[in-house]
N, C-alpha and C. Protein backbone atom coordinates (compact mmCIF):
# COMPACT_ATOMS: atom_id res chain seq x y z
N MET A 1 84.62 112.42 112.50
CA MET A 1 85.64 111.39 112.47
C MET A 1 85.02 110.05 112.87
N THR A 2 85.72 109.27 113.68
CA THR A 2 85.19 107.96 114.04
C THR A 2 85.01 107.87 115.54
N ASP A 3 84.35 106.80 115.94
CA ASP A 3 84.15 106.54 117.35
C ASP A 3 85.13 105.50 117.88
N TYR A 4 86.22 105.26 117.15
CA TYR A 4 87.21 104.29 117.59
C TYR A 4 88.03 104.87 118.73
N THR A 5 88.39 104.01 119.69
CA THR A 5 89.34 104.43 120.71
C THR A 5 90.72 104.46 120.07
N ASN A 6 91.66 105.07 120.76
CA ASN A 6 93.04 105.10 120.25
C ASN A 6 93.59 103.69 120.06
N ASP A 7 93.29 102.80 121.03
CA ASP A 7 93.77 101.42 120.93
C ASP A 7 93.16 100.70 119.74
N GLU A 8 91.87 100.91 119.51
CA GLU A 8 91.21 100.27 118.37
C GLU A 8 91.79 100.78 117.05
N PHE A 9 92.00 102.08 116.97
CA PHE A 9 92.53 102.65 115.74
C PHE A 9 93.97 102.21 115.50
N MET A 10 94.73 102.03 116.58
CA MET A 10 96.09 101.52 116.45
C MET A 10 96.07 100.08 115.95
N TYR A 11 95.13 99.28 116.45
CA TYR A 11 94.99 97.89 115.99
C TYR A 11 94.63 97.85 114.51
N ILE A 12 93.72 98.70 114.07
CA ILE A 12 93.34 98.77 112.66
C ILE A 12 94.56 99.15 111.82
N THR A 13 95.32 100.13 112.29
CA THR A 13 96.52 100.57 111.57
C THR A 13 97.50 99.42 111.39
N LYS A 14 97.80 98.71 112.47
CA LYS A 14 98.74 97.59 112.39
C LYS A 14 98.22 96.50 111.46
N THR A 15 96.93 96.23 111.54
CA THR A 15 96.33 95.20 110.69
C THR A 15 96.45 95.57 109.22
N VAL A 16 96.14 96.80 108.89
CA VAL A 16 96.22 97.24 107.49
C VAL A 16 97.66 97.21 107.01
N MET A 17 98.61 97.59 107.84
CA MET A 17 100.01 97.54 107.43
C MET A 17 100.44 96.10 107.15
N LYS A 18 99.94 95.14 107.96
CA LYS A 18 100.26 93.73 107.71
C LYS A 18 99.67 93.29 106.37
N VAL A 19 98.45 93.74 106.07
CA VAL A 19 97.82 93.40 104.79
C VAL A 19 98.67 93.93 103.64
N LEU A 20 99.06 95.20 103.72
CA LEU A 20 99.86 95.79 102.65
C LEU A 20 101.20 95.08 102.51
N ASP A 21 101.76 94.64 103.63
CA ASP A 21 103.01 93.87 103.58
C ASP A 21 102.80 92.53 102.88
N THR A 22 101.66 91.87 103.13
CA THR A 22 101.42 90.58 102.47
C THR A 22 101.20 90.78 100.97
N TRP A 23 100.74 91.96 100.57
CA TRP A 23 100.59 92.25 99.14
C TRP A 23 101.93 92.61 98.51
N ASN A 24 102.98 92.74 99.36
CA ASN A 24 104.34 93.00 98.89
C ASN A 24 104.45 94.32 98.13
N LEU A 25 103.86 95.37 98.70
CA LEU A 25 103.88 96.68 98.05
C LEU A 25 105.18 97.42 98.35
N THR A 26 105.60 98.25 97.41
CA THR A 26 106.71 99.16 97.67
C THR A 26 106.19 100.28 98.59
N THR A 27 107.11 101.06 99.13
CA THR A 27 106.71 102.20 99.95
C THR A 27 105.80 103.13 99.17
N GLU A 28 106.18 103.43 97.94
CA GLU A 28 105.40 104.36 97.12
C GLU A 28 104.00 103.81 96.85
N GLN A 29 103.91 102.51 96.59
CA GLN A 29 102.60 101.90 96.34
C GLN A 29 101.73 101.93 97.60
N ALA A 30 102.32 101.60 98.74
CA ALA A 30 101.57 101.61 100.00
C ALA A 30 101.04 103.01 100.30
N VAL A 31 101.88 104.01 100.11
CA VAL A 31 101.47 105.40 100.33
C VAL A 31 100.30 105.75 99.42
N GLN A 32 100.38 105.34 98.18
CA GLN A 32 99.34 105.65 97.21
C GLN A 32 98.03 104.92 97.54
N VAL A 33 98.12 103.65 97.90
CA VAL A 33 96.93 102.88 98.26
C VAL A 33 96.25 103.48 99.48
N LEU A 34 97.04 103.92 100.45
CA LEU A 34 96.49 104.50 101.67
C LEU A 34 95.97 105.93 101.47
N GLY A 35 96.38 106.56 100.40
CA GLY A 35 95.96 107.94 100.16
C GLY A 35 96.71 108.95 101.01
N LEU A 36 97.92 108.58 101.41
CA LEU A 36 98.75 109.50 102.20
C LEU A 36 99.48 110.46 101.27
N SER A 37 100.09 111.46 101.84
CA SER A 37 100.86 112.44 101.06
C SER A 37 101.99 111.74 100.31
N ALA A 38 102.23 112.17 99.09
CA ALA A 38 103.32 111.59 98.28
C ALA A 38 104.68 111.79 98.94
N GLN A 39 104.78 112.73 99.86
CA GLN A 39 106.04 112.97 100.56
C GLN A 39 106.26 112.02 101.74
N THR A 40 105.32 111.12 101.99
CA THR A 40 105.46 110.16 103.09
C THR A 40 106.65 109.25 102.82
N LYS A 41 107.53 109.17 103.80
CA LYS A 41 108.76 108.37 103.67
C LYS A 41 108.59 106.99 104.30
N LYS A 42 109.51 106.10 103.95
CA LYS A 42 109.49 104.73 104.47
C LYS A 42 109.52 104.72 106.00
N ARG A 43 110.31 105.57 106.60
CA ARG A 43 110.41 105.58 108.06
C ARG A 43 109.07 105.98 108.70
N GLN A 44 108.30 106.84 108.00
CA GLN A 44 106.98 107.19 108.52
C GLN A 44 106.03 105.99 108.42
N LEU A 45 106.12 105.25 107.32
CA LEU A 45 105.30 104.04 107.19
C LEU A 45 105.69 103.02 108.26
N ASP A 46 106.98 102.90 108.54
CA ASP A 46 107.44 101.96 109.56
C ASP A 46 106.83 102.28 110.92
N LYS A 47 106.64 103.55 111.22
CA LYS A 47 106.01 103.94 112.49
C LYS A 47 104.57 103.45 112.58
N TYR A 48 103.88 103.37 111.44
CA TYR A 48 102.51 102.87 111.44
C TYR A 48 102.46 101.38 111.78
N ARG A 49 103.55 100.68 111.59
CA ARG A 49 103.57 99.25 111.91
C ARG A 49 103.60 99.01 113.42
N THR A 50 104.13 99.97 114.17
CA THR A 50 104.32 99.71 115.60
C THR A 50 103.91 100.84 116.54
N LEU A 51 104.15 102.09 116.16
CA LEU A 51 104.05 103.19 117.12
C LEU A 51 102.91 104.16 116.93
N LYS A 52 102.42 104.28 115.73
CA LYS A 52 101.56 105.41 115.41
C LYS A 52 100.34 104.94 114.61
N ALA A 53 99.18 105.54 114.90
CA ALA A 53 97.97 105.23 114.13
C ALA A 53 97.89 106.13 112.90
N PHE A 54 97.16 105.66 111.88
CA PHE A 54 96.94 106.47 110.69
C PHE A 54 96.20 107.75 111.07
N PRO A 55 96.30 108.78 110.24
CA PRO A 55 95.51 109.99 110.49
C PRO A 55 94.02 109.65 110.54
N ASN A 56 93.32 110.26 111.48
CA ASN A 56 91.89 110.00 111.66
C ASN A 56 91.12 110.89 110.68
N ASP A 57 91.20 110.52 109.42
CA ASP A 57 90.61 111.29 108.33
C ASP A 57 89.55 110.43 107.65
N PRO A 58 88.37 110.97 107.35
CA PRO A 58 87.29 110.16 106.77
C PRO A 58 87.68 109.45 105.47
N ILE A 59 88.45 110.09 104.61
CA ILE A 59 88.85 109.47 103.35
C ILE A 59 89.81 108.31 103.60
N ILE A 60 90.76 108.50 104.50
CA ILE A 60 91.69 107.42 104.83
C ILE A 60 90.94 106.26 105.48
N ILE A 61 90.00 106.58 106.36
CA ILE A 61 89.22 105.53 107.02
C ILE A 61 88.42 104.73 105.99
N LYS A 62 87.88 105.40 104.99
CA LYS A 62 87.16 104.70 103.92
C LYS A 62 88.10 103.76 103.17
N ARG A 63 89.31 104.24 102.88
CA ARG A 63 90.30 103.40 102.21
C ARG A 63 90.66 102.19 103.08
N LEU A 64 90.85 102.42 104.38
CA LEU A 64 91.18 101.32 105.29
C LEU A 64 90.08 100.27 105.28
N SER A 65 88.84 100.72 105.26
CA SER A 65 87.71 99.80 105.22
C SER A 65 87.75 98.93 103.97
N HIS A 66 88.06 99.54 102.83
CA HIS A 66 88.15 98.77 101.59
C HIS A 66 89.33 97.80 101.62
N ILE A 67 90.46 98.23 102.15
CA ILE A 67 91.64 97.36 102.23
C ILE A 67 91.33 96.13 103.09
N VAL A 68 90.72 96.36 104.25
CA VAL A 68 90.36 95.25 105.13
C VAL A 68 89.33 94.35 104.45
N GLY A 69 88.37 94.94 103.75
CA GLY A 69 87.36 94.16 103.02
C GLY A 69 87.98 93.30 101.93
N ILE A 70 88.92 93.87 101.19
CA ILE A 70 89.62 93.11 100.14
C ILE A 70 90.41 91.97 100.77
N SER A 71 91.11 92.26 101.84
CA SER A 71 91.91 91.24 102.52
C SER A 71 91.03 90.10 103.02
N ASP A 72 89.90 90.44 103.62
CA ASP A 72 88.99 89.43 104.14
C ASP A 72 88.43 88.58 103.00
N ALA A 73 88.07 89.22 101.89
CA ALA A 73 87.54 88.48 100.74
C ALA A 73 88.60 87.56 100.14
N LEU A 74 89.85 88.02 100.09
CA LEU A 74 90.93 87.16 99.58
C LEU A 74 91.14 85.97 100.51
N ARG A 75 91.03 86.21 101.81
CA ARG A 75 91.19 85.12 102.79
C ARG A 75 90.11 84.06 102.61
N THR A 76 88.88 84.48 102.36
CA THR A 76 87.81 83.50 102.17
C THR A 76 87.85 82.87 100.78
N THR A 77 88.38 83.59 99.79
CA THR A 77 88.51 83.04 98.44
C THR A 77 89.61 81.98 98.39
N PHE A 78 90.69 82.22 99.12
CA PHE A 78 91.83 81.30 99.13
C PHE A 78 92.13 80.86 100.56
N PRO A 79 91.22 80.11 101.21
CA PRO A 79 91.41 79.79 102.63
C PRO A 79 92.58 78.86 102.92
N ARG A 80 93.01 78.10 101.94
CA ARG A 80 94.09 77.13 102.18
C ARG A 80 95.47 77.64 101.78
N ASN A 81 95.51 78.79 101.13
CA ASN A 81 96.79 79.32 100.68
C ASN A 81 96.78 80.84 100.77
N LEU A 82 97.23 81.35 101.90
CA LEU A 82 97.22 82.80 102.13
C LEU A 82 98.20 83.54 101.22
N ASN A 83 99.16 82.82 100.64
CA ASN A 83 100.10 83.45 99.71
C ASN A 83 99.43 83.85 98.40
N MET A 84 98.24 83.32 98.15
CA MET A 84 97.53 83.64 96.91
C MET A 84 97.07 85.10 96.88
N ALA A 85 96.97 85.75 98.02
CA ALA A 85 96.53 87.14 98.05
C ALA A 85 97.47 88.01 97.22
N GLU A 86 98.78 87.88 97.47
CA GLU A 86 99.75 88.66 96.69
C GLU A 86 99.69 88.28 95.22
N LYS A 87 99.61 87.00 94.94
CA LYS A 87 99.56 86.54 93.55
C LYS A 87 98.33 87.11 92.85
N TRP A 88 97.17 87.03 93.49
CA TRP A 88 95.94 87.53 92.87
C TRP A 88 96.03 89.04 92.63
N MET A 89 96.56 89.77 93.59
CA MET A 89 96.66 91.24 93.46
C MET A 89 97.60 91.64 92.33
N ASN A 90 98.52 90.76 91.96
CA ASN A 90 99.53 91.10 90.95
C ASN A 90 99.40 90.29 89.66
N THR A 91 98.24 89.68 89.44
CA THR A 91 97.98 88.91 88.23
C THR A 91 96.97 89.65 87.36
N ASN A 92 97.25 89.72 86.07
CA ASN A 92 96.31 90.37 85.15
C ASN A 92 94.96 89.67 85.22
N HIS A 93 93.90 90.46 85.15
CA HIS A 93 92.56 89.94 85.33
C HIS A 93 91.68 90.42 84.18
N ARG A 94 90.96 89.51 83.57
CA ARG A 94 90.14 89.86 82.41
C ARG A 94 89.08 90.91 82.74
N ARG A 95 88.55 90.90 83.93
CA ARG A 95 87.52 91.88 84.29
C ARG A 95 88.08 93.28 84.54
N PHE A 96 89.38 93.37 84.58
CA PHE A 96 90.05 94.67 84.72
C PHE A 96 90.82 95.01 83.45
N ASP A 97 90.30 94.59 82.31
CA ASP A 97 90.95 94.84 81.01
C ASP A 97 92.39 94.34 80.98
N ASN A 98 92.59 93.16 81.53
CA ASN A 98 93.91 92.53 81.61
C ASN A 98 94.93 93.35 82.39
N LYS A 99 94.46 94.13 83.34
CA LYS A 99 95.35 94.82 84.28
C LYS A 99 95.29 94.07 85.60
N THR A 100 96.28 94.33 86.44
CA THR A 100 96.26 93.70 87.76
C THR A 100 95.33 94.48 88.69
N PRO A 101 94.76 93.81 89.68
CA PRO A 101 93.96 94.54 90.67
C PRO A 101 94.76 95.66 91.34
N LEU A 102 96.03 95.40 91.62
CA LEU A 102 96.86 96.44 92.23
C LEU A 102 96.98 97.65 91.32
N SER A 103 97.17 97.43 90.02
CA SER A 103 97.29 98.58 89.11
C SER A 103 95.98 99.36 89.03
N ILE A 104 94.85 98.68 89.12
CA ILE A 104 93.56 99.37 89.14
C ILE A 104 93.47 100.26 90.37
N ILE A 105 93.88 99.75 91.52
CA ILE A 105 93.85 100.54 92.75
C ILE A 105 94.78 101.74 92.63
N LEU A 106 95.98 101.52 92.12
CA LEU A 106 96.95 102.61 92.00
C LEU A 106 96.49 103.66 91.00
N GLU A 107 95.88 103.24 89.91
CA GLU A 107 95.43 104.19 88.88
C GLU A 107 94.16 104.94 89.27
N GLU A 108 93.24 104.25 89.96
CA GLU A 108 91.92 104.82 90.20
C GLU A 108 91.65 105.22 91.64
N GLY A 109 92.60 104.98 92.53
CA GLY A 109 92.43 105.39 93.92
C GLY A 109 91.27 104.69 94.61
N ILE A 110 90.46 105.46 95.30
CA ILE A 110 89.36 104.88 96.08
C ILE A 110 88.35 104.17 95.19
N ASP A 111 88.14 104.67 93.98
CA ASP A 111 87.25 103.97 93.04
C ASP A 111 87.83 102.61 92.66
N GLY A 112 89.15 102.55 92.52
CA GLY A 112 89.81 101.28 92.22
C GLY A 112 89.70 100.30 93.37
N LEU A 113 89.85 100.80 94.60
CA LEU A 113 89.66 99.94 95.77
C LEU A 113 88.26 99.35 95.77
N CYS A 114 87.29 100.19 95.45
CA CYS A 114 85.89 99.76 95.41
C CYS A 114 85.67 98.72 94.31
N LYS A 115 86.26 98.93 93.14
CA LYS A 115 86.13 97.96 92.03
C LYS A 115 86.70 96.61 92.41
N VAL A 116 87.90 96.63 92.98
CA VAL A 116 88.56 95.37 93.35
C VAL A 116 87.77 94.67 94.44
N ARG A 117 87.31 95.41 95.42
CA ARG A 117 86.51 94.80 96.49
C ARG A 117 85.21 94.22 95.93
N SER A 118 84.58 94.93 95.01
CA SER A 118 83.34 94.43 94.40
C SER A 118 83.57 93.14 93.64
N GLU A 119 84.71 93.02 92.99
CA GLU A 119 85.03 91.81 92.24
C GLU A 119 85.17 90.61 93.17
N LEU A 120 85.72 90.83 94.35
CA LEU A 120 85.97 89.75 95.30
C LEU A 120 84.80 89.44 96.22
N ASP A 121 84.01 90.45 96.53
CA ASP A 121 82.99 90.33 97.57
C ASP A 121 81.62 90.66 96.99
N CYS A 122 80.87 89.63 96.65
CA CYS A 122 79.58 89.87 95.99
C CYS A 122 78.58 90.57 96.91
N THR A 123 78.68 90.37 98.23
CA THR A 123 77.74 91.07 99.11
C THR A 123 78.05 92.56 99.15
N PHE A 124 79.33 92.91 99.10
CA PHE A 124 79.68 94.33 99.03
C PHE A 124 79.18 94.93 97.73
N ALA A 125 79.38 94.22 96.63
CA ALA A 125 78.94 94.71 95.32
C ALA A 125 77.43 94.87 95.29
N TRP A 126 76.72 93.92 95.87
CA TRP A 126 75.26 93.99 95.90
C TRP A 126 74.79 95.19 96.73
N ASN A 127 75.40 95.38 97.89
CA ASN A 127 75.04 96.52 98.74
C ASN A 127 75.37 97.84 98.08
N ALA A 128 76.45 97.88 97.32
CA ALA A 128 76.87 99.12 96.66
C ALA A 128 75.91 99.51 95.54
N THR A 129 75.23 98.53 94.95
CA THR A 129 74.32 98.83 93.85
C THR A 129 72.88 98.97 94.32
N ALA A 130 72.60 98.57 95.55
CA ALA A 130 71.21 98.63 96.06
C ALA A 130 70.81 100.03 96.42
């Protein structure tokens, strides 16, 4: 698993939930992006915002890392307008065959997260190919 303390993992959980909220995802989309069970309900997601940390699972942790990386890259790409993150995630993009970055993530899972992050973060893309 990880070497995060409970407090650190709770902070990561809250941060990722804020990111997903800024992307304006539905409950179903958030569950899918996080790689949680399809039976996860809205009330369970709400607990992640305040009371409960995500499952300490290596696959989920990898997804969280990509989500935070995408968010950070969007913040540096659009430093003067944080609302652009949602717009960019939901705008068709020529490098994704005129699909939205969000649809790539939803269709391709962790590979989609990696593709979107690579598009935004050239250092991540370079490290991934090295």
